N, C-alpha and C. Protein backbone atom coordinates (compact mmCIF):
# COMPACT_ATOMS: atom_id res chain seq x y z
N MET A 1 -117.04 -162.46 66.38
CA MET A 1 -116.30 -161.22 66.32
C MET A 1 -116.87 -160.26 67.37
N SER A 2 -115.97 -159.61 68.08
CA SER A 2 -116.44 -158.69 69.11
C SER A 2 -117.08 -157.46 68.48
N SER A 3 -117.93 -156.81 69.24
CA SER A 3 -118.60 -155.62 68.71
C SER A 3 -117.63 -154.45 68.53
N PHE A 4 -116.42 -154.58 69.07
CA PHE A 4 -115.42 -153.53 68.93
C PHE A 4 -114.42 -153.81 67.82
N ALA A 5 -114.39 -155.02 67.30
CA ALA A 5 -113.36 -155.42 66.32
C ALA A 5 -113.29 -154.47 65.13
N LYS A 6 -114.43 -154.04 64.64
CA LYS A 6 -114.44 -153.16 63.46
C LYS A 6 -113.78 -151.82 63.73
N PHE A 7 -113.75 -151.37 64.98
CA PHE A 7 -113.17 -150.07 65.30
C PHE A 7 -111.65 -150.07 65.22
N PHE A 8 -111.04 -151.24 65.38
CA PHE A 8 -109.58 -151.31 65.35
C PHE A 8 -109.00 -151.06 63.97
N SER A 9 -109.81 -151.18 62.93
CA SER A 9 -109.31 -150.97 61.57
C SER A 9 -109.53 -149.53 61.08
N GLN A 10 -110.01 -148.67 61.95
CA GLN A 10 -110.22 -147.27 61.57
C GLN A 10 -108.88 -146.57 61.33
N LYS A 11 -108.91 -145.56 60.49
CA LYS A 11 -107.73 -144.73 60.26
C LYS A 11 -107.51 -143.87 61.50
N ARG A 12 -106.26 -143.54 61.75
CA ARG A 12 -105.89 -142.76 62.93
C ARG A 12 -106.64 -141.43 62.97
N GLY A 13 -106.81 -140.80 61.80
CA GLY A 13 -107.51 -139.52 61.73
C GLY A 13 -108.96 -139.62 62.16
N GLN A 14 -109.61 -140.74 61.83
CA GLN A 14 -111.00 -140.95 62.24
C GLN A 14 -111.09 -141.01 63.76
N VAL A 15 -110.18 -141.76 64.36
CA VAL A 15 -110.18 -141.93 65.82
C VAL A 15 -109.92 -140.58 66.49
N ARG A 16 -108.96 -139.82 65.96
CA ARG A 16 -108.67 -138.49 66.53
C ARG A 16 -109.90 -137.60 66.47
N GLY A 17 -110.61 -137.64 65.36
CA GLY A 17 -111.82 -136.84 65.22
C GLY A 17 -112.89 -137.23 66.21
N GLN A 18 -113.05 -138.53 66.41
CA GLN A 18 -114.05 -139.03 67.37
C GLN A 18 -113.68 -138.58 68.78
N ARG A 19 -112.42 -138.72 69.12
CA ARG A 19 -112.00 -138.37 70.48
C ARG A 19 -112.08 -136.87 70.72
N LYS A 20 -111.82 -136.09 69.68
CA LYS A 20 -111.95 -134.64 69.80
C LYS A 20 -113.42 -134.27 70.06
N ALA A 21 -114.34 -134.92 69.36
CA ALA A 21 -115.77 -134.66 69.56
C ALA A 21 -116.19 -135.05 70.98
N ILE A 22 -115.68 -136.16 71.49
CA ILE A 22 -115.99 -136.60 72.85
C ILE A 22 -115.41 -135.60 73.86
N GLU A 23 -114.19 -135.13 73.62
CA GLU A 23 -113.58 -134.13 74.50
C GLU A 23 -114.42 -132.85 74.54
N GLU A 24 -114.96 -132.45 73.40
CA GLU A 24 -115.79 -131.24 73.36
C GLU A 24 -117.01 -131.39 74.27
N VAL A 25 -117.63 -132.56 74.26
CA VAL A 25 -118.78 -132.81 75.14
C VAL A 25 -118.33 -132.74 76.59
N LEU A 26 -117.19 -133.35 76.90
CA LEU A 26 -116.72 -133.41 78.28
C LEU A 26 -116.20 -132.06 78.78
N LYS A 27 -115.84 -131.16 77.87
CA LYS A 27 -115.42 -129.81 78.30
C LYS A 27 -116.57 -129.08 78.97
N ALA A 28 -117.80 -129.43 78.58
CA ALA A 28 -118.99 -128.81 79.19
C ALA A 28 -119.28 -129.40 80.57
N GLY A 29 -118.63 -130.50 80.92
CA GLY A 29 -118.81 -131.12 82.22
C GLY A 29 -118.89 -132.63 82.10
N PRO A 30 -118.81 -133.32 83.23
CA PRO A 30 -118.87 -134.78 83.23
C PRO A 30 -120.13 -135.30 82.54
N ALA A 31 -120.01 -136.47 81.90
CA ALA A 31 -121.14 -137.01 81.15
C ALA A 31 -121.09 -138.53 81.11
N THR A 32 -122.26 -139.12 80.93
CA THR A 32 -122.38 -140.57 80.76
C THR A 32 -122.20 -140.92 79.28
N VAL A 33 -122.04 -142.21 79.01
CA VAL A 33 -121.94 -142.69 77.63
C VAL A 33 -123.19 -142.28 76.85
N THR A 34 -124.36 -142.40 77.48
CA THR A 34 -125.60 -142.04 76.81
C THR A 34 -125.60 -140.57 76.39
N LYS A 35 -125.21 -139.69 77.29
CA LYS A 35 -125.17 -138.26 76.96
C LYS A 35 -124.15 -137.98 75.86
N ILE A 36 -122.96 -138.57 75.96
CA ILE A 36 -121.94 -138.37 74.94
C ILE A 36 -122.44 -138.87 73.59
N SER A 37 -123.09 -140.02 73.60
CA SER A 37 -123.64 -140.60 72.37
C SER A 37 -124.68 -139.68 71.75
N GLU A 38 -125.54 -139.13 72.57
CA GLU A 38 -126.58 -138.21 72.08
C GLU A 38 -125.97 -136.94 71.50
N GLU A 39 -124.98 -136.40 72.19
CA GLU A 39 -124.37 -135.13 71.77
C GLU A 39 -123.54 -135.29 70.49
N THR A 40 -122.82 -136.40 70.37
CA THR A 40 -121.93 -136.61 69.21
C THR A 40 -122.61 -137.34 68.06
N GLU A 41 -123.76 -137.97 68.36
CA GLU A 41 -124.47 -138.83 67.40
C GLU A 41 -123.64 -140.06 67.01
N PHE A 42 -122.72 -140.47 67.88
CA PHE A 42 -121.95 -141.71 67.71
C PHE A 42 -122.71 -142.83 68.40
N ALA A 43 -122.58 -144.05 67.86
CA ALA A 43 -123.16 -145.22 68.52
C ALA A 43 -122.52 -145.39 69.89
N LYS A 44 -123.29 -145.92 70.84
CA LYS A 44 -122.76 -146.09 72.20
C LYS A 44 -121.51 -146.96 72.23
N ASN A 45 -121.49 -148.04 71.42
CA ASN A 45 -120.30 -148.91 71.47
C ASN A 45 -119.06 -148.18 70.94
N LEU A 46 -119.23 -147.25 70.01
CA LEU A 46 -118.10 -146.45 69.53
C LEU A 46 -117.63 -145.49 70.62
N VAL A 47 -118.56 -144.91 71.35
CA VAL A 47 -118.21 -144.02 72.46
C VAL A 47 -117.44 -144.80 73.52
N VAL A 48 -117.94 -145.97 73.88
CA VAL A 48 -117.27 -146.80 74.90
C VAL A 48 -115.86 -147.17 74.44
N TRP A 49 -115.72 -147.58 73.18
CA TRP A 49 -114.41 -147.97 72.64
C TRP A 49 -113.44 -146.80 72.76
N ASN A 50 -113.88 -145.60 72.39
CA ASN A 50 -113.01 -144.43 72.48
C ASN A 50 -112.70 -144.07 73.93
N LEU A 51 -113.70 -144.15 74.81
CA LEU A 51 -113.45 -143.84 76.22
C LEU A 51 -112.44 -144.80 76.84
N MET A 52 -112.48 -146.06 76.45
CA MET A 52 -111.51 -147.02 76.98
C MET A 52 -110.08 -146.62 76.57
N GLY A 53 -109.94 -146.21 75.32
CA GLY A 53 -108.63 -145.72 74.87
C GLY A 53 -108.21 -144.46 75.59
N MET A 54 -109.16 -143.56 75.78
CA MET A 54 -108.87 -142.30 76.46
C MET A 54 -108.53 -142.53 77.94
N LEU A 55 -109.17 -143.52 78.55
CA LEU A 55 -108.82 -143.90 79.92
C LEU A 55 -107.40 -144.46 79.96
N ARG A 56 -107.10 -145.31 79.01
CA ARG A 56 -105.77 -145.95 78.92
C ARG A 56 -104.66 -144.92 78.83
N TRP A 57 -104.90 -143.84 78.06
CA TRP A 57 -103.88 -142.82 77.85
C TRP A 57 -104.00 -141.65 78.83
N GLY A 58 -104.90 -141.76 79.80
CA GLY A 58 -104.98 -140.75 80.85
C GLY A 58 -105.68 -139.46 80.47
N ALA A 59 -106.49 -139.48 79.41
CA ALA A 59 -107.18 -138.26 78.97
C ALA A 59 -108.49 -138.05 79.72
N VAL A 60 -109.11 -139.14 80.16
CA VAL A 60 -110.37 -139.04 80.91
C VAL A 60 -110.28 -139.88 82.17
N GLU A 61 -111.23 -139.63 83.07
CA GLU A 61 -111.31 -140.43 84.29
C GLU A 61 -112.78 -140.66 84.63
N ILE A 62 -113.00 -141.65 85.45
CA ILE A 62 -114.35 -141.96 85.89
C ILE A 62 -114.62 -141.15 87.15
N LYS A 63 -115.71 -140.38 87.12
CA LYS A 63 -116.05 -139.49 88.23
C LYS A 63 -117.08 -140.07 89.18
N GLY A 64 -117.87 -141.03 88.70
CA GLY A 64 -118.91 -141.59 89.53
C GLY A 64 -119.85 -142.45 88.72
N GLU A 65 -121.08 -142.56 89.23
CA GLU A 65 -122.08 -143.40 88.58
C GLU A 65 -123.45 -142.73 88.73
N GLU A 66 -124.25 -142.87 87.67
CA GLU A 66 -125.60 -142.31 87.68
C GLU A 66 -126.51 -143.27 86.93
N ASN A 67 -127.56 -143.73 87.57
CA ASN A 67 -128.50 -144.67 86.95
C ASN A 67 -127.80 -145.87 86.32
N HIS A 68 -126.88 -146.47 87.04
CA HIS A 68 -126.14 -147.66 86.61
C HIS A 68 -125.23 -147.39 85.41
N GLU A 69 -124.83 -146.14 85.21
CA GLU A 69 -123.96 -145.77 84.11
C GLU A 69 -122.80 -144.94 84.67
N LEU A 70 -121.59 -145.24 84.22
CA LEU A 70 -120.43 -144.48 84.69
C LEU A 70 -120.46 -143.07 84.14
N ILE A 71 -119.92 -142.14 84.93
CA ILE A 71 -119.80 -140.75 84.52
C ILE A 71 -118.32 -140.47 84.25
N TYR A 72 -118.03 -139.94 83.06
CA TYR A 72 -116.67 -139.66 82.65
C TYR A 72 -116.43 -138.16 82.63
N SER A 73 -115.18 -137.78 82.88
CA SER A 73 -114.79 -136.37 82.78
C SER A 73 -113.38 -136.29 82.23
N LEU A 74 -113.02 -135.12 81.73
CA LEU A 74 -111.65 -134.92 81.29
C LEU A 74 -110.76 -134.96 82.52
N LYS A 75 -109.61 -135.57 82.39
CA LYS A 75 -108.69 -135.66 83.52
C LYS A 75 -107.99 -134.31 83.68
N GLU A 76 -107.99 -133.82 84.88
CA GLU A 76 -107.34 -132.55 85.16
C GLU A 76 -105.84 -132.76 85.23
N VAL A 77 -105.12 -131.85 84.60
CA VAL A 77 -103.65 -131.98 84.55
C VAL A 77 -103.04 -131.31 85.74
């Protein structure tokens, strides 16, 4: 079973709450998965799972790389 499989069974409200928390971190500026994880207290794999969804729907974008880790930011409209 993939490390992300358990996240697919979450309720929609849980996912919205997680993504809102991630957006709040990114409103302060671009951040890595590690920083987002530290700020939200979410596991890194949960942060990555949410960021992949947010990338898919155009809410975030990759801004660069720092210490072998991608930097994410809110996508400007």
